[in-house]
Amino acid sequence: MKSVWFISMMICAFFSCTFVADKVDNEAANEKLVQQYFQHFNNHDWQKMAEMYSLIAEFKDPSLGKDIVKQTRPEIIEKYTGLASMFPNVKDSVLQIYHSGNQQVIVEFISTGTAKDGSTFKLPICTIFTFENGLITKDYTYYDNAQAN
């Protein structure tokens, strides 16, 4: 009887360690993807950034309205090309990365830029990225749109 109990405990320990290791691996992989994402953003490489999304991704973004909007990669490129045309030096500085389960990463960052007329902005933003198979499927971004000056 003791040997059955011991074997059961060893099996439980093995599977719990495997689960924890998988979670840590997933979090590390997703964090690396987030870092790559912001590198592409800061380089204004909209093509590479868009390729990090699934073919159609869900967005919540005050600039797109109040509802969830689905966008394709070409639409993502168009959106950020337009942003860069208004603010040629737009840049994001990551403050903190938080993990929320195996698929979600929450990023707190500051976006800054200067318009062609010389006006500047500094905007705190929080984005929740959802990853599936190494691609972003959801991009839920929150910021105070009225304070964007």
Protein backbone atom coordinates (compact mmCIF):
# COMPACT_ATOMS: atom_id res chain seq x y z
CA MET A 1 0.00 0.00 0.00
CA LYS A 2 2.84 2.38 0.81
CA SER A 3 4.41 1.77 -2.59
CA VAL A 4 1.13 2.63 -4.39
CA TRP A 5 0.91 5.88 -2.40
CA PHE A 6 4.56 6.69 -3.14
CA ILE A 7 4.17 6.02 -6.87
CA SER A 8 1.01 8.16 -6.95
CA MET A 9 2.82 11.03 -5.26
CA MET A 10 5.76 10.77 -7.65
CA ILE A 11 3.44 10.87 -10.67
CA CYS A 12 1.67 13.95 -9.29
CA ALA A 13 4.99 15.66 -8.61
CA PHE A 14 6.23 14.89 -12.12
CA PHE A 15 3.14 16.32 -13.82
CA SER A 16 3.03 19.42 -11.64
CA CYS A 17 6.70 20.14 -12.41
CA THR A 18 6.05 19.63 -16.12
CA PHE A 19 3.08 22.02 -15.98
CA VAL A 20 5.13 24.69 -14.20
CA ALA A 21 8.03 24.29 -16.67
CA ASP A 22 5.64 24.61 -19.65
CA LYS A 23 4.09 27.74 -18.15
CA VAL A 24 7.51 29.32 -17.57
CA ASP A 25 8.59 28.42 -21.13
CA ASN A 26 5.40 29.93 -22.58
CA GLU A 27 5.78 33.11 -20.53
CA ALA A 28 9.41 33.50 -21.62
CA ALA A 29 8.49 32.92 -25.29
CA ASN A 30 5.61 35.41 -25.13
CA GLU A 31 7.78 38.01 -23.39
CA LYS A 32 10.40 37.63 -26.12
CA LEU A 33 7.67 38.17 -28.73
CA VAL A 34 6.51 41.33 -26.93
CA GLN A 35 10.05 42.69 -26.87
CA GLN A 36 10.40 41.95 -30.59
CA TYR A 37 7.06 43.65 -31.23
CA PHE A 38 8.17 46.89 -29.57
CA GLN A 39 11.51 46.76 -31.40
CA HIS A 40 9.63 46.59 -34.72
CA PHE A 41 7.34 49.41 -33.56
CA ASN A 42 10.24 51.66 -32.59
CA ASN A 43 11.98 50.90 -35.89
CA HIS A 44 8.72 51.74 -37.70
CA ASP A 45 8.92 48.38 -39.43
CA TRP A 46 5.17 48.02 -39.78
CA GLN A 47 5.45 45.02 -42.10
CA LYS A 48 7.41 42.94 -39.58
CA MET A 49 5.19 44.13 -36.75
CA ALA A 50 2.03 43.18 -38.66
CA GLU A 51 3.46 39.72 -39.37
CA MET A 52 3.43 39.12 -35.62
CA TYR A 53 -0.39 39.11 -35.74
CA SER A 54 -2.65 36.32 -36.92
CA LEU A 55 -4.12 36.88 -40.39
CA ILE A 56 -7.12 38.54 -38.73
CA ALA A 57 -6.74 39.86 -35.18
CA GLU A 58 -9.16 41.42 -32.71
CA PHE A 59 -8.47 44.96 -31.51
CA LYS A 60 -9.91 47.11 -28.75
CA ASP A 61 -8.45 50.55 -29.23
CA PRO A 62 -9.97 53.97 -28.55
CA SER A 63 -8.72 55.11 -31.98
CA LEU A 64 -10.90 52.42 -33.59
CA GLY A 65 -14.06 53.11 -31.58
CA LYS A 66 -15.66 51.45 -28.56
CA ASP A 67 -16.26 47.98 -29.99
CA ILE A 68 -13.93 45.13 -30.85
CA VAL A 69 -12.64 45.57 -34.41
CA LYS A 70 -11.11 42.82 -36.52
CA GLN A 71 -8.17 43.87 -38.65
CA THR A 72 -6.03 42.18 -41.26
CA ARG A 73 -2.28 42.61 -41.51
CA PRO A 74 -2.57 45.16 -44.36
CA GLU A 75 -5.01 47.18 -42.21
CA ILE A 76 -2.54 47.09 -39.30
CA ILE A 77 0.22 48.36 -41.59
CA GLU A 78 -2.06 51.14 -42.87
CA LYS A 79 -3.01 52.20 -39.32
CA TYR A 80 0.59 52.49 -38.11
CA THR A 81 1.82 54.07 -41.34
CA GLY A 82 -0.80 56.76 -40.77
CA LEU A 83 0.32 57.21 -37.16
CA ALA A 84 3.95 57.62 -38.25
CA SER A 85 2.97 60.16 -40.90
CA MET A 86 1.36 62.29 -38.17
CA PHE A 87 4.15 61.67 -35.63
CA PRO A 88 7.34 60.78 -37.55
CA ASN A 89 9.33 60.01 -34.40
CA VAL A 90 6.64 58.06 -32.52
CA LYS A 91 8.25 55.70 -30.01
CA ASP A 92 7.12 53.38 -27.24
CA SER A 93 9.08 52.84 -24.03
CA VAL A 94 8.10 49.70 -22.13
CA LEU A 95 7.79 50.23 -18.39
CA GLN A 96 6.63 46.81 -17.24
CA ILE A 97 5.58 43.44 -18.61
CA TYR A 98 3.12 41.30 -16.65
CA HIS A 99 2.11 37.72 -17.38
CA SER A 100 -1.48 36.59 -17.16
CA GLY A 101 -1.63 32.87 -17.81
CA ASN A 102 0.00 31.05 -20.70
CA GLN A 103 -1.48 33.13 -23.48
CA GLN A 104 -1.72 36.71 -22.25
CA VAL A 105 0.89 39.36 -21.64
CA ILE A 106 0.04 42.79 -20.26
CA VAL A 107 2.40 45.61 -21.22
CA GLU A 108 2.55 49.01 -19.59
CA PHE A 109 4.36 51.59 -21.72
CA ILE A 110 4.68 55.26 -22.60
CA SER A 111 4.16 56.39 -26.18
CA THR A 112 5.79 59.66 -27.23
CA GLY A 113 6.05 61.60 -30.43
CA THR A 114 6.29 64.96 -32.13
CA ALA A 115 3.92 66.17 -34.83
CA LYS A 116 5.13 68.03 -37.90
CA ASP A 117 3.91 71.29 -36.33
CA GLY A 118 6.20 70.70 -33.32
CA SER A 119 3.49 69.70 -30.84
CA THR A 120 4.39 66.70 -28.71
CA PHE A 121 2.55 64.00 -26.83
CA LYS A 122 3.40 61.64 -23.98
CA LEU A 123 0.75 58.99 -23.45
CA PRO A 124 0.67 56.18 -20.86
CA ILE A 125 -0.80 53.03 -22.42
CA CYS A 126 -1.62 49.51 -21.29
CA THR A 127 -2.07 46.69 -23.82
CA ILE A 128 -3.19 43.13 -23.26
CA PHE A 129 -1.79 40.83 -25.94
CA THR A 130 -3.25 37.35 -26.41
CA PHE A 131 -0.98 34.86 -28.16
CA GLU A 132 -1.89 31.65 -29.95
CA ASN A 133 0.76 29.58 -31.72
CA GLY A 134 3.26 32.42 -31.45
CA LEU A 135 1.01 35.04 -33.07
CA ILE A 136 -1.00 37.89 -31.56
CA THR A 137 -4.71 37.15 -31.92
CA LYS A 138 -6.01 39.93 -29.65
CA ASP A 139 -4.62 43.39 -28.97
CA TYR A 140 -6.68 45.19 -26.34
CA THR A 141 -5.21 48.64 -25.77
CA TYR A 142 -6.28 51.12 -23.11
CA TYR A 143 -5.38 54.77 -22.74
CA ASP A 144 -7.06 58.08 -21.97
CA ASN A 145 -7.82 59.41 -25.44
CA ALA A 146 -8.79 62.85 -24.06
CA GLN A 147 -5.33 63.30 -22.48
CA ALA A 148 -3.36 62.65 -25.66
CA ASN A 149 -1.81 66.15 -25.70
